[in-house]
PDB file of N, CA and C in Angstrom:
ATOM      1  N   UNK A   1     139.456 100.195  60.852  1.00  0.00           N
ATOM      2  CA  UNK A   1     138.496 100.234  61.507  1.00  0.00           C
ATOM      3  C   UNK A   1     138.211 101.352  62.916  1.00  0.00           C
ATOM      4  N   UNK A   2     139.558 100.529  63.457  1.00  0.00           N
ATOM      5  CA  UNK A   2     139.028 101.089  64.596  1.00  0.00           C
ATOM      6  C   UNK A   2     139.339 102.727  64.999  1.00  0.00           C
ATOM      7  N   UNK A   3     140.180 102.973  63.830  1.00  0.00           N
ATOM      8  CA  UNK A   3     140.274 104.731  64.118  1.00  0.00           C
ATOM      9  C   UNK A   3     139.253 105.548  63.193  1.00  0.00           C
ATOM     10  N   UNK A   4     138.507 104.561  62.620  1.00  0.00           N
ATOM     11  CA  UNK A   4     137.350 105.091  61.971  1.00  0.00           C
ATOM     12  C   UNK A   4     136.160 105.016  63.242  1.00  0.00           C
ATOM     13  N   UNK A   5     135.980 104.204  63.900  1.00  0.00           N
ATOM     14  CA  UNK A   5     135.422 104.513  64.999  1.00  0.00           C
ATOM     15  C   UNK A   5     135.268 105.475  66.030  1.00  0.00           C
ATOM     16  N   UNK A   6     137.068 105.790  66.278  1.00  0.00           N
ATOM     17  CA  UNK A   6     137.265 106.909  66.863  1.00  0.00           C
ATOM     18  C   UNK A   6     136.969 108.205  66.766  1.00  0.00           C
ATOM     19  N   UNK A   7     137.146 108.285  65.370  1.00  0.00           N
ATOM     20  CA  UNK A   7     136.672 109.702  64.741  1.00  0.00           C
ATOM     21  C   UNK A   7     135.459 109.796  64.717  1.00  0.00           C
ATOM     22  N   UNK A   8     134.490 108.959  64.569  1.00  0.00           N
ATOM     23  CA  UNK A   8     133.067 109.164  64.434  1.00  0.00           C
ATOM     24  C   UNK A   8     132.204 109.580  66.185  1.00  0.00           C
ATOM     25  N   UNK A   9     132.982 108.822  66.652  1.00  0.00           N
ATOM     26  CA  UNK A   9     132.739 108.954  68.173  1.00  0.00           C
ATOM     27  C   UNK A   9     132.903 110.355  68.911  1.00  0.00           C
ATOM     28  N   UNK A  10     134.389 110.748  68.561  1.00  0.00           N
ATOM     29  CA  UNK A  10     134.812 112.159  68.535  1.00  0.00           C
ATOM     30  C   UNK A  10     134.211 113.105  67.926  1.00  0.00           C
ATOM     31  N   UNK A  11     133.496 112.806  66.706  1.00  0.00           N
ATOM     32  CA  UNK A  11     132.665 113.764  66.255  1.00  0.00           C
ATOM     33  C   UNK A  11     130.931 113.759  66.617  1.00  0.00           C
ATOM     34  N   UNK A  12     131.081 112.643  67.053  1.00  0.00           N
ATOM     35  CA  UNK A  12     129.597 112.616  67.875  1.00  0.00           C
ATOM     36  C   UNK A  12     129.881 113.381  69.151  1.00  0.00           C
ATOM     37  N   UNK A  13     130.670 113.466  69.839  1.00  0.00           N
ATOM     38  CA  UNK A  13     130.704 114.207  71.427  1.00  0.00           C
ATOM     39  C   UNK A  13     131.220 115.435  71.373  1.00  0.00           C
ATOM     40  N   UNK A  14     131.394 116.007  69.430  1.00  0.00           N
ATOM     41  CA  UNK A  14     131.196 117.286  69.257  1.00  0.00           C
ATOM     42  C   UNK A  14     130.258 117.778  69.189  1.00  0.00           C
ATOM     43  N   UNK A  15     129.666 117.011  68.363  1.00  0.00           N
ATOM     44  CA  UNK A  15     128.296 117.465  68.016  1.00  0.00           C
ATOM     45  C   UNK A  15     126.876 117.281  68.964  1.00  0.00           C
ATOM     46  N   UNK A  16     127.728 116.995  70.146  1.00  0.00           N
ATOM     47  CA  UNK A  16     126.615 117.461  71.299  1.00  0.00           C
ATOM     48  C   UNK A  16     127.256 118.275  72.726  1.00  0.00           C
ATOM     49  N   UNK A  17     127.961 118.961  72.081  1.00  0.00           N
ATOM     50  CA  UNK A  17     128.499 120.028  72.341  1.00  0.00           C
ATOM     51  C   UNK A  17     127.520 121.204  71.867  1.00  0.00           C
ATOM     52  N   UNK A  18     126.867 122.129  73.211  1.00  0.00           N
ATOM     53  CA  UNK A  18     126.367 123.047  72.501  1.00  0.00           C
ATOM     54  C   UNK A  18     126.679 124.697  73.052  1.00  0.00           C
ATOM     55  N   UNK A  19     127.823 124.377  74.059  1.00  0.00           N
ATOM     56  CA  UNK A  19     128.834 125.466  74.057  1.00  0.00           C
ATOM     57  C   UNK A  19     130.062 125.178  74.126  1.00  0.00           C
ATOM     58  N   UNK A  20     130.932 126.693  73.839  1.00  0.00           N
ATOM     59  CA  UNK A  20     132.142 126.135  73.738  1.00  0.00           C
ATOM     60  C   UNK A  20     132.942 126.081  74.959  1.00  0.00           C
ATOM     61  N   UNK A  21     133.617 124.860  74.906  1.00  0.00           N
ATOM     62  CA  UNK A  21     135.144 124.677  76.602  1.00  0.00           C
ATOM     63  C   UNK A  21     134.959 125.617  76.920  1.00  0.00           C
ATOM     64  N   UNK A  22     134.866 125.810  78.387  1.00  0.00           N
ATOM     65  CA  UNK A  22     135.779 126.674  79.234  1.00  0.00           C
ATOM     66  C   UNK A  22     136.820 127.632  78.990  1.00  0.00           C
ATOM     67  N   UNK A  23     137.199 128.658  78.492  1.00  0.00           N
ATOM     68  CA  UNK A  23     138.465 128.917  78.044  1.00  0.00           C
ATOM     69  C   UNK A  23     138.983 129.349  76.528  1.00  0.00           C
ATOM     70  N   UNK A  24     138.158 128.792  76.005  1.00  0.00           N
ATOM     71  CA  UNK A  24     138.049 128.802  74.382  1.00  0.00           C
ATOM     72  C   UNK A  24     137.255 129.531  73.928  1.00  0.00           C
ATOM     73  N   UNK A  25     137.458 130.755  73.624  1.00  0.00           N
ATOM     74  CA  UNK A  25     136.782 132.083  72.813  1.00  0.00           C
ATOM     75  C   UNK A  25     136.685 131.873  71.350  1.00  0.00           C
ATOM     76  N   UNK A  26     135.169 131.883  71.085  1.00  0.00           N
ATOM     77  CA  UNK A  26     135.469 132.129  69.209  1.00  0.00           C
ATOM     78  C   UNK A  26     135.692 133.110  68.840  1.00  0.00           C
ATOM     79  N   UNK A  27     137.106 133.875  67.979  1.00  0.00           N
ATOM     80  CA  UNK A  27     136.748 135.536  67.252  1.00  0.00           C
ATOM     81  C   UNK A  27     135.379 135.331  66.339  1.00  0.00           C
ATOM     82  N   UNK A  28     134.937 135.959  65.861  1.00  0.00           N
ATOM     83  CA  UNK A  28     134.466 135.436  64.395  1.00  0.00           C
ATOM     84  C   UNK A  28     134.366 136.733  63.846  1.00  0.00           C
ATOM     85  N   UNK A  29     135.349 137.866  64.337  1.00  0.00           N
ATOM     86  CA  UNK A  29     134.842 139.291  63.921  1.00  0.00           C
ATOM     87  C   UNK A  29     135.308 139.768  62.073  1.00  0.00           C
ATOM     88  N   UNK A  30     135.814 138.371  61.686  1.00  0.00           N
ATOM     89  CA  UNK A  30     136.464 138.391  59.816  1.00  0.00           C
ATOM     90  C   UNK A  30     135.000 137.590  59.627  1.00  0.00           C
ATOM     91  N   UNK A  31     133.800 137.522  60.553  1.00  0.00           N
ATOM     92  CA  UNK A  31     132.381 136.429  59.975  1.00  0.00           C
ATOM     93  C   UNK A  31     132.809 135.439  59.980  1.00  0.00           C
ATOM     94  N   UNK A  32     131.260 134.697  59.980  1.00  0.00           N
ATOM     95  CA  UNK A  32     130.939 133.582  60.730  1.00  0.00           C
ATOM     96  C   UNK A  32     129.370 133.204  60.244  1.00  0.00           C
ATOM     97  N   UNK A  33     129.738 131.398  59.832  1.00  0.00           N
ATOM     98  CA  UNK A  33     129.270 130.560  58.418  1.00  0.00           C
ATOM     99  C   UNK A  33     128.406 130.443  59.593  1.00  0.00           C
ATOM    100  N   UNK A  34     126.919 129.731  59.566  1.00  0.00           N
ATOM    101  CA  UNK A  34     126.243 128.568  60.502  1.00  0.00           C
ATOM    102  C   UNK A  34     125.796 127.895  59.284  1.00  0.00           C
ATOM    103  N   UNK A  35     125.783 126.432  59.561  1.00  0.00           N
ATOM    104  CA  UNK A  35     125.654 125.212  58.501  1.00  0.00           C
ATOM    105  C   UNK A  35     124.461 124.586  59.120  1.00  0.00           C
ATOM    106  N   UNK A  36     123.622 124.345  58.522  1.00  0.00           N
ATOM    107  CA  UNK A  36     123.014 122.679  59.339  1.00  0.00           C
ATOM    108  C   UNK A  36     123.283 121.567  58.201  1.00  0.00           C
ATOM    109  N   UNK A  37     123.711 120.761  58.441  1.00  0.00           N
ATOM    110  CA  UNK A  37     123.925 119.395  57.442  1.00  0.00           C
ATOM    111  C   UNK A  37     123.037 118.449  57.500  1.00  0.00           C
ATOM    112  N   UNK A  38     121.960 118.265  56.312  1.00  0.00           N
ATOM    113  CA  UNK A  38     121.123 117.113  56.633  1.00  0.00           C
ATOM    114  C   UNK A  38     121.775 115.926  55.914  1.00  0.00           C
ATOM    115  N   UNK A  39     120.657 115.364  55.699  1.00  0.00           N
ATOM    116  CA  UNK A  39     121.327 113.776  55.529  1.00  0.00           C
ATOM    117  C   UNK A  39     120.686 113.283  54.118  1.00  0.00           C
ATOM    118  N   UNK A  40     120.583 114.524  53.232  1.00  0.00           N
ATOM    119  CA  UNK A  40     120.584 113.775  51.954  1.00  0.00           C
ATOM    120  C   UNK A  40     121.638 114.383  51.018  1.00  0.00           C
ATOM    121  N   UNK A  41     122.676 115.368  51.796  1.00  0.00           N
ATOM    122  CA  UNK A  41     123.884 115.390  50.364  1.00  0.00           C
ATOM    123  C   UNK A  41     123.405 117.487  50.196  1.00  0.00           C
ATOM    124  N   UNK A  42     122.455 117.659  50.933  1.00  0.00           N
ATOM    125  CA  UNK A  42     121.849 119.071  51.134  1.00  0.00           C
ATOM    126  C   UNK A  42     123.054 120.020  52.525  1.00  0.00           C
ATOM    127  N   UNK A  43     122.827 121.011  52.157  1.00  0.00           N
ATOM    128  CA  UNK A  43     122.932 121.979  53.532  1.00  0.00           C
ATOM    129  C   UNK A  43     122.098 123.080  53.481  1.00  0.00           C
ATOM    130  N   UNK A  44     122.173 123.767  54.806  1.00  0.00           N
ATOM    131  CA  UNK A  44     121.334 124.746  55.173  1.00  0.00           C
ATOM    132  C   UNK A  44     122.136 125.900  55.430  1.00  0.00           C
ATOM    133  N   UNK A  45     122.204 127.080  54.804  1.00  0.00           N
ATOM    134  CA  UNK A  45     122.871 128.224  55.477  1.00  0.00           C
ATOM    135  C   UNK A  45     122.137 129.177  55.528  1.00  0.00           C
ATOM    136  N   UNK A  46     122.176 129.630  56.484  1.00  0.00           N
ATOM    137  CA  UNK A  46     121.021 131.004  56.775  1.00  0.00           C
ATOM    138  C   UNK A  46     119.556 130.409  56.185  1.00  0.00           C
ATOM    139  N   UNK A  47     118.942 131.312  55.242  1.00  0.00           N
ATOM    140  CA  UNK A  47     117.694 130.691  54.825  1.00  0.00           C
ATOM    141  C   UNK A  47     118.092 129.988  53.388  1.00  0.00           C
ATOM    142  N   UNK A  48     118.607 129.760  52.885  1.00  0.00           N
ATOM    143  CA  UNK A  48     118.916 128.901  51.610  1.00  0.00           C
ATOM    144  C   UNK A  48     119.247 127.147  51.928  1.00  0.00           C
ATOM    145  N   UNK A  49     119.021 126.774  50.721  1.00  0.00           N
ATOM    146  CA  UNK A  49     119.004 125.047  51.295  1.00  0.00           C
ATOM    147  C   UNK A  49     119.874 125.329  49.995  1.00  0.00           C
ATOM    148  N   UNK A  50     121.197 123.995  49.886  1.00  0.00           N
ATOM    149  CA  UNK A  50     122.030 124.086  48.495  1.00  0.00           C
ATOM    150  C   UNK A  50     122.900 122.806  48.980  1.00  0.00           C
ATOM    151  N   UNK A  51     122.990 122.286  47.291  1.00  0.00           N
ATOM    152  CA  UNK A  51     123.962 120.969  47.788  1.00  0.00           C
ATOM    153  C   UNK A  51     125.182 121.085  48.674  1.00  0.00           C
ATOM    154  N   UNK A  52     125.616 120.188  48.828  1.00  0.00           N
ATOM    155  CA  UNK A  52     126.817 120.357  49.592  1.00  0.00           C
ATOM    156  C   UNK A  52     128.156 120.780  49.209  1.00  0.00           C
ATOM    157  N   UNK A  53     128.372 120.665  48.112  1.00  0.00           N
ATOM    158  CA  UNK A  53     129.346 121.013  46.555  1.00  0.00           C
ATOM    159  C   UNK A  53     129.258 122.430  46.437  1.00  0.00           C
ATOM    160  N   UNK A  54     128.258 123.098  46.144  1.00  0.00           N
ATOM    161  CA  UNK A  54     127.934 124.741  46.243  1.00  0.00           C
ATOM    162  C   UNK A  54     128.510 125.043  47.143  1.00  0.00           C
ATOM    163  N   UNK A  55     128.541 124.702  48.655  1.00  0.00           N
ATOM    164  CA  UNK A  55     128.316 125.434  49.975  1.00  0.00           C
ATOM    165  C   UNK A  55     130.012 125.435  50.005  1.00  0.00           C
ATOM    166  N   UNK A  56     130.468 124.438  49.662  1.00  0.00           N
ATOM    167  CA  UNK A  56     132.011 124.057  49.886  1.00  0.00           C
ATOM    168  C   UNK A  56     132.356 125.196  48.794  1.00  0.00           C
ATOM    169  N   UNK A  57     132.389 124.971  47.417  1.00  0.00           N
ATOM    170  CA  UNK A  57     132.320 126.914  46.720  1.00  0.00           C
ATOM    171  C   UNK A  57     132.606 127.480  47.088  1.00  0.00           C
ATOM    172  N   UNK A  58     131.471 127.711  47.134  1.00  0.00           N
ATOM    173  CA  UNK A  58     131.064 129.151  47.867  1.00  0.00           C
ATOM    174  C   UNK A  58     132.170 129.688  49.265  1.00  0.00           C
ATOM    175  N   UNK A  59     132.590 128.574  49.996  1.00  0.00           N
ATOM    176  CA  UNK A  59     133.415 129.133  51.710  1.00  0.00           C
ATOM    177  C   UNK A  59     135.124 129.145  50.821  1.00  0.00           C
ATOM    178  N   UNK A  60     135.346 128.420  49.908  1.00  0.00           N
ATOM    179  CA  UNK A  60     136.646 128.289  48.866  1.00  0.00           C
ATOM    180  C   UNK A  60     136.581 129.609  48.392  1.00  0.00           C
ATOM    181  N   UNK A  61     135.674 130.457  47.630  1.00  0.00           N
ATOM    182  CA  UNK A  61     135.783 131.373  47.363  1.00  0.00           C
ATOM    183  C   UNK A  61     135.908 132.840  48.339  1.00  0.00           C
ATOM    184  N   UNK A  62     135.036 132.439  49.147  1.00  0.00           N
ATOM    185  CA  UNK A  62     135.030 133.623  50.317  1.00  0.00           C
ATOM    186  C   UNK A  62     136.944 133.500  50.922  1.00  0.00           C
ATOM    187  N   UNK A  63     137.135 132.634  51.454  1.00  0.00           N
ATOM    188  CA  UNK A  63     138.336 132.261  51.855  1.00  0.00           C
ATOM    189  C   UNK A  63     139.568 132.860  51.226  1.00  0.00           C
ATOM    190  N   UNK A  64     139.556 132.522  49.951  1.00  0.00           N
ATOM    191  CA  UNK A  64     140.754 132.779  48.955  1.00  0.00           C
ATOM    192  C   UNK A  64     140.674 134.169  49.427  1.00  0.00           C
ATOM    193  N   UNK A  65     139.743 134.712  49.271  1.00  0.00           N
ATOM    194  CA  UNK A  65     139.427 136.526  49.788  1.00  0.00           C
ATOM    195  C   UNK A  65     140.288 136.891  51.094  1.00  0.00           C
ATOM    196  N   UNK A  66     140.764 136.261  51.747  1.00  0.00           N
ATOM    197  CA  UNK A  66     140.729 136.812  53.201  1.00  0.00           C
ATOM    198  C   UNK A  66     142.254 136.991  53.023  1.00  0.00           C
ATOM    199  N   UNK A  67     142.831 137.806  54.138  1.00  0.00           N
ATOM    200  CA  UNK A  67     144.165 137.846  54.721  1.00  0.00           C
ATOM    201  C   UNK A  67     144.117 136.845  55.553  1.00  0.00           C
ATOM    202  N   UNK A  68     145.502 136.137  55.511  1.00  0.00           N
ATOM    203  CA  UNK A  68     145.646 135.235  56.800  1.00  0.00           C
ATOM    204  C   UNK A  68     144.843 136.114  57.860  1.00  0.00           C
ATOM    205  N   UNK A  69     145.161 137.080  58.771  1.00  0.00           N
ATOM    206  CA  UNK A  69     145.181 137.469  59.669  1.00  0.00           C
ATOM    207  C   UNK A  69     143.198 137.127  59.726  1.00  0.00           C
ATOM    208  N   UNK A  70     142.201 138.020  58.789  1.00  0.00           N
ATOM    209  CA  UNK A  70     140.897 137.428  58.335  1.00  0.00           C
ATOM    210  C   UNK A  70     140.455 135.681  58.980  1.00  0.00           C
ATOM    211  N   UNK A  71     141.184 134.748  58.234  1.00  0.00           N
ATOM    212  CA  UNK A  71     141.553 133.731  58.095  1.00  0.00           C
ATOM    213  C   UNK A  71     141.045 132.952  60.130  1.00  0.00           C
ATOM    214  N   UNK A  72     141.929 133.681  60.484  1.00  0.00           N
ATOM    215  CA  UNK A  72     141.940 133.465  61.669  1.00  0.00           C
ATOM    216  C   UNK A  72     140.863 133.462  62.586  1.00  0.00           C
ATOM    217  N   UNK A  73     140.074 134.888  62.266  1.00  0.00           N
ATOM    218  CA  UNK A  73     139.044 135.483  62.632  1.00  0.00           C
ATOM    219  C   UNK A  73     137.768 134.767  62.527  1.00  0.00           C
ATOM    220  N   UNK A  74     137.816 133.797  61.381  1.00  0.00           N
ATOM    221  CA  UNK A  74     136.082 133.547  60.598  1.00  0.00           C
ATOM    222  C   UNK A  74     136.006 132.042  61.208  1.00  0.00           C
ATOM    223  N   UNK A  75     135.120 132.065  61.810  1.00  0.00           N
ATOM    224  CA  UNK A  75     134.508 130.825  62.444  1.00  0.00           C
ATOM    225  C   UNK A  75     133.016 130.288  61.637  1.00  0.00           C
ATOM    226  N   UNK A  76     133.303 129.017  61.506  1.00  0.00           N
ATOM    227  CA  UNK A  76     132.491 127.817  60.761  1.00  0.00           C
ATOM    228  C   UNK A  76     131.207 127.097  61.940  1.00  0.00           C
ATOM    229  N   UNK A  77     130.562 127.312  62.172  1.00  0.00           N
ATOM    230  CA  UNK A  77     129.407 126.555  62.578  1.00  0.00           C
ATOM    231  C   UNK A  77     128.683 125.305  62.259  1.00  0.00           C
ATOM    232  N   UNK A  78     128.926 124.065  62.415  1.00  0.00           N
ATOM    233  CA  UNK A  78     128.415 122.861  61.916  1.00  0.00           C
ATOM    234  C   UNK A  78     127.431 122.673  63.029  1.00  0.00           C
ATOM    235  N   UNK A  79     126.503 122.155  62.120  1.00  0.00           N
ATOM    236  CA  UNK A  79     124.935 121.032  63.230  1.00  0.00           C
ATOM    237  C   UNK A  79     124.732 120.147  61.960  1.00  0.00           C
ATOM    238  N   UNK A  80     124.401 118.873  62.417  1.00  0.00           N
ATOM    239  CA  UNK A  80     123.712 118.398  62.242  1.00  0.00           C
ATOM    240  C   UNK A  80     122.567 117.863  62.059  1.00  0.00           C
ATOM    241  N   UNK A  81     121.550 118.065  61.522  1.00  0.00           N
ATOM    242  CA  UNK A  81     119.824 117.758  61.602  1.00  0.00           C
ATOM    243  C   UNK A  81     120.509 116.372  61.736  1.00  0.00           C
ATOM    244  N   UNK A  82     119.167 115.905  62.748  1.00  0.00           N
ATOM    245  CA  UNK A  82     118.415 115.079  63.966  1.00  0.00           C
ATOM    246  C   UNK A  82     118.366 113.657  62.758  1.00  0.00           C
ATOM    247  N   UNK A  83     119.114 112.724  62.929  1.00  0.00           N
ATOM    248  CA  UNK A  83     118.572 111.813  62.345  1.00  0.00           C
ATOM    249  C   UNK A  83     118.691 110.174  62.735  1.00  0.00           C
ATOM    250  N   UNK A  84     117.212 109.673  62.086  1.00  0.00           N
ATOM    251  CA  UNK A  84     117.026 107.913  63.166  1.00  0.00           C
ATOM    252  C   UNK A  84     118.349 107.315  62.996  1.00  0.00           C
ATOM    253  N   UNK A  85     118.717 107.001  64.174  1.00  0.00           N
ATOM    254  CA  UNK A  85     120.465 106.226  64.516  1.00  0.00           C
ATOM    255  C   UNK A  85     120.511 105.144  63.786  1.00  0.00           C
ATOM    256  N   UNK A  86     121.434 105.040  62.864  1.00  0.00           N
ATOM    257  CA  UNK A  86     122.117 103.978  62.083  1.00  0.00           C
ATOM    258  C   UNK A  86     121.073 104.045  60.847  1.00  0.00           C
ATOM    259  N   UNK A  87     120.074 105.021  60.195  1.00  0.00           N
ATOM    260  CA  UNK A  87     119.371 105.007  58.929  1.00  0.00           C
ATOM    261  C   UNK A  87     120.362 105.649  57.807  1.00  0.00           C
ATOM    262  N   UNK A  88     120.084 105.212  56.800  1.00  0.00           N
ATOM    263  CA  UNK A  88     121.110 105.773  55.512  1.00  0.00           C
ATOM    264  C   UNK A  88     121.377 106.916  55.688  1.00  0.00           C
ATOM    265  N   UNK A  89     120.311 108.244  56.577  1.00  0.00           N
ATOM    266  CA  UNK A  89     120.448 109.649  56.110  1.00  0.00           C
ATOM    267  C   UNK A  89     121.398 109.838  57.437  1.00  0.00           C
ATOM    268  N   UNK A  90     121.312 108.956  58.105  1.00  0.00           N
ATOM    269  CA  UNK A  90     122.096 109.248  59.465  1.00  0.00           C
ATOM    270  C   UNK A  90     123.789 109.012  58.778  1.00  0.00           C
ATOM    271  N   UNK A  91     123.849 108.272  57.431  1.00  0.00           N
ATOM    272  CA  UNK A  91     125.477 107.978  57.613  1.00  0.00           C
ATOM    273  C   UNK A  91     125.537 108.872  56.966  1.00  0.00           C
ATOM    274  N   UNK A  92     124.719 109.222  55.772  1.00  0.00           N
ATOM    275  CA  UNK A  92     124.805 110.398  54.495  1.00  0.00           C
ATOM    276  C   UNK A  92     125.557 111.679  55.508  1.00  0.00           C
ATOM    277  N   UNK A  93     124.854 111.960  56.552  1.00  0.00           N
ATOM    278  CA  UNK A  93     124.992 113.471  57.423  1.00  0.00           C
ATOM    279  C   UNK A  93     126.147 112.924  58.050  1.00  0.00           C
ATOM    280  N   UNK A  94     126.655 111.956  58.198  1.00  0.00           N
ATOM    281  CA  UNK A  94     128.223 111.921  58.942  1.00  0.00           C
ATOM    282  C   UNK A  94     129.362 112.075  57.746  1.00  0.00           C
ATOM    283  N   UNK A  95     128.776 111.936  56.814  1.00  0.00           N
ATOM    284  CA  UNK A  95     129.731 111.504  55.431  1.00  0.00           C
ATOM    285  C   UNK A  95     129.792 112.704  54.828  1.00  0.00           C
ATOM    286  N   UNK A  96     128.793 114.401  55.357  1.00  0.00           N
ATOM    287  CA  UNK A  96     128.760 115.171  54.974  1.00  0.00           C
ATOM    288  C   UNK A  96     129.812 115.881  55.521  1.00  0.00           C
ATOM    289  N   UNK A  97     128.766 115.943  56.726  1.00  0.00           N
ATOM    290  CA  UNK A  97     130.219 116.631  57.705  1.00  0.00           C
ATOM    291  C   UNK A  97     131.656 116.259  58.193  1.00  0.00           C
ATOM    292  N   UNK A  98     131.381 114.809  57.412  1.00  0.00           N
ATOM    293  CA  UNK A  98     133.365 114.795  57.574  1.00  0.00           C
ATOM    294  C   UNK A  98     134.062 115.583  56.284  1.00  0.00           C
ATOM    295  N   UNK A  99     133.152 115.536  55.635  1.00  0.00           N
ATOM    296  CA  UNK A  99     133.305 115.864  54.433  1.00  0.00           C
ATOM    297  C   UNK A  99     133.775 117.499  54.322  1.00  0.00           C
ATOM    298  N   UNK A 100     132.667 118.358  54.934  1.00  0.00           N
ATOM    299  CA  UNK A 100     132.868 119.253  54.839  1.00  0.00           C
ATOM    300  C   UNK A 100     133.837 119.577  56.353  1.00  0.00           C
ATOM    301  N   UNK A 101     134.055 118.975  57.227  1.00  0.00           N
ATOM    302  CA  UNK A 101     135.060 119.222  57.971  1.00  0.00           C
ATOM    303  C   UNK A 101     136.776 118.911  57.133  1.00  0.00           C
ATOM    304  N   UNK A 102     136.989 118.233  56.178  1.00  0.00           N
ATOM    305  CA  UNK A 102     138.416 117.952  55.275  1.00  0.00           C
ATOM    306  C   UNK A 102     138.226 118.816  54.758  1.00  0.00           C
ATOM    307  N   UNK A 103     137.505 119.670  54.190  1.00  0.00           N
ATOM    308  CA  UNK A 103     137.505 120.666  52.852  1.00  0.00           C
ATOM    309  C   UNK A 103     137.911 121.903  53.892  1.00  0.00           C
ATOM    310  N   UNK A 104     136.660 121.972  55.172  1.00  0.00           N
ATOM    311  CA  UNK A 104     137.224 123.070  55.762  1.00  0.00           C
ATOM    312  C   UNK A 104     138.254 123.642  56.376  1.00  0.00           C
ATOM    313  N   UNK A 105     139.394 122.053  56.590  1.00  0.00           N
ATOM    314  CA  UNK A 105     140.843 122.109  57.293  1.00  0.00           C
ATOM    315  C   UNK A 105     141.374 122.317  56.244  1.00  0.00           C
ATOM    316  N   UNK A 106     141.203 121.864  54.837  1.00  0.00           N
ATOM    317  CA  UNK A 106     142.275 122.491  53.812  1.00  0.00           C
ATOM    318  C   UNK A 106     141.974 123.862  53.313  1.00  0.00           C
ATOM    319  N   UNK A 107     141.119 124.162  52.866  1.00  0.00           N
ATOM    320  CA  UNK A 107     141.075 125.710  53.441  1.00  0.00           C
ATOM    321  C   UNK A 107     141.420 126.811  54.175  1.00  0.00           C
ATOM    322  N   UNK A 108     142.322 125.906  55.447  1.00  0.00           N
ATOM    323  CA  UNK A 108     142.849 127.052  56.407  1.00  0.00           C
ATOM    324  C   UNK A 108     141.985 127.226  57.563  1.00  0.00           C
ATOM    325  N   UNK A 109     140.297 127.060  57.902  1.00  0.00           N
ATOM    326  CA  UNK A 109     139.963 127.811  58.640  1.00  0.00           C
ATOM    327  C   UNK A 109     140.359 127.272  59.781  1.00  0.00           C
ATOM    328  N   UNK A 110     140.337 128.180  61.134  1.00  0.00           N
ATOM    329  CA  UNK A 110     140.818 127.300  62.257  1.00  0.00           C
ATOM    330  C   UNK A 110     140.093 127.537  63.369  1.00  0.00           C
ATOM    331  N   UNK A 111     138.631 127.785  62.808  1.00  0.00           N
ATOM    332  CA  UNK A 111     137.632 127.784  63.846  1.00  0.00           C
ATOM    333  C   UNK A 111     136.544 127.313  63.397  1.00  0.00           C
ATOM    334  N   UNK A 112     136.178 126.127  64.056  1.00  0.00           N
ATOM    335  CA  UNK A 112     134.832 125.500  63.501  1.00  0.00           C
ATOM    336  C   UNK A 112     134.387 124.638  64.522  1.00  0.00           C
ATOM    337  N   UNK A 113     132.673 125.068  64.838  1.00  0.00           N
ATOM    338  CA  UNK A 113     132.423 125.058  66.219  1.00  0.00           C
ATOM    339  C   UNK A 113     131.317 123.608  66.086  1.00  0.00           C
ATOM    340  N   UNK A 114     131.223 122.864  66.299  1.00  0.00           N
ATOM    341  CA  UNK A 114     130.121 121.786  66.520  1.00  0.00           C
ATOM    342  C   UNK A 114     128.657 122.102  66.828  1.00  0.00           C
ATOM    343  N   UNK A 115     128.020 122.606  66.663  1.00  0.00           N
ATOM    344  CA  UNK A 115     126.646 122.824  67.952  1.00  0.00           C
ATOM    345  C   UNK A 115     125.345 121.552  67.903  1.00  0.00           C
TER     346      UNK A 115
END
């Protein structure tokens, strides 16, 4: 239980950062995706609104086509839509964010930025 609280706190703090910490440069020369995570199981990627699962599938296909060098230079930016603290939508948004981070780790994405 304590570890889940620490993880949730770390994710929340990371979500508060709007700029990269000093000394960290994100190299997006192989591409960048900005994802807005909603509290209803959907995400927005650009002008498209789609289920989280559909985005995960698209990202898997995209990253599988990349070389190792490209994977190092690929950036995914995540931000969560504002939700009322303690609400069911906030819990769903956090679960979706966690799921997305887990999937990106499995895919080998090394540059994830929280907005």
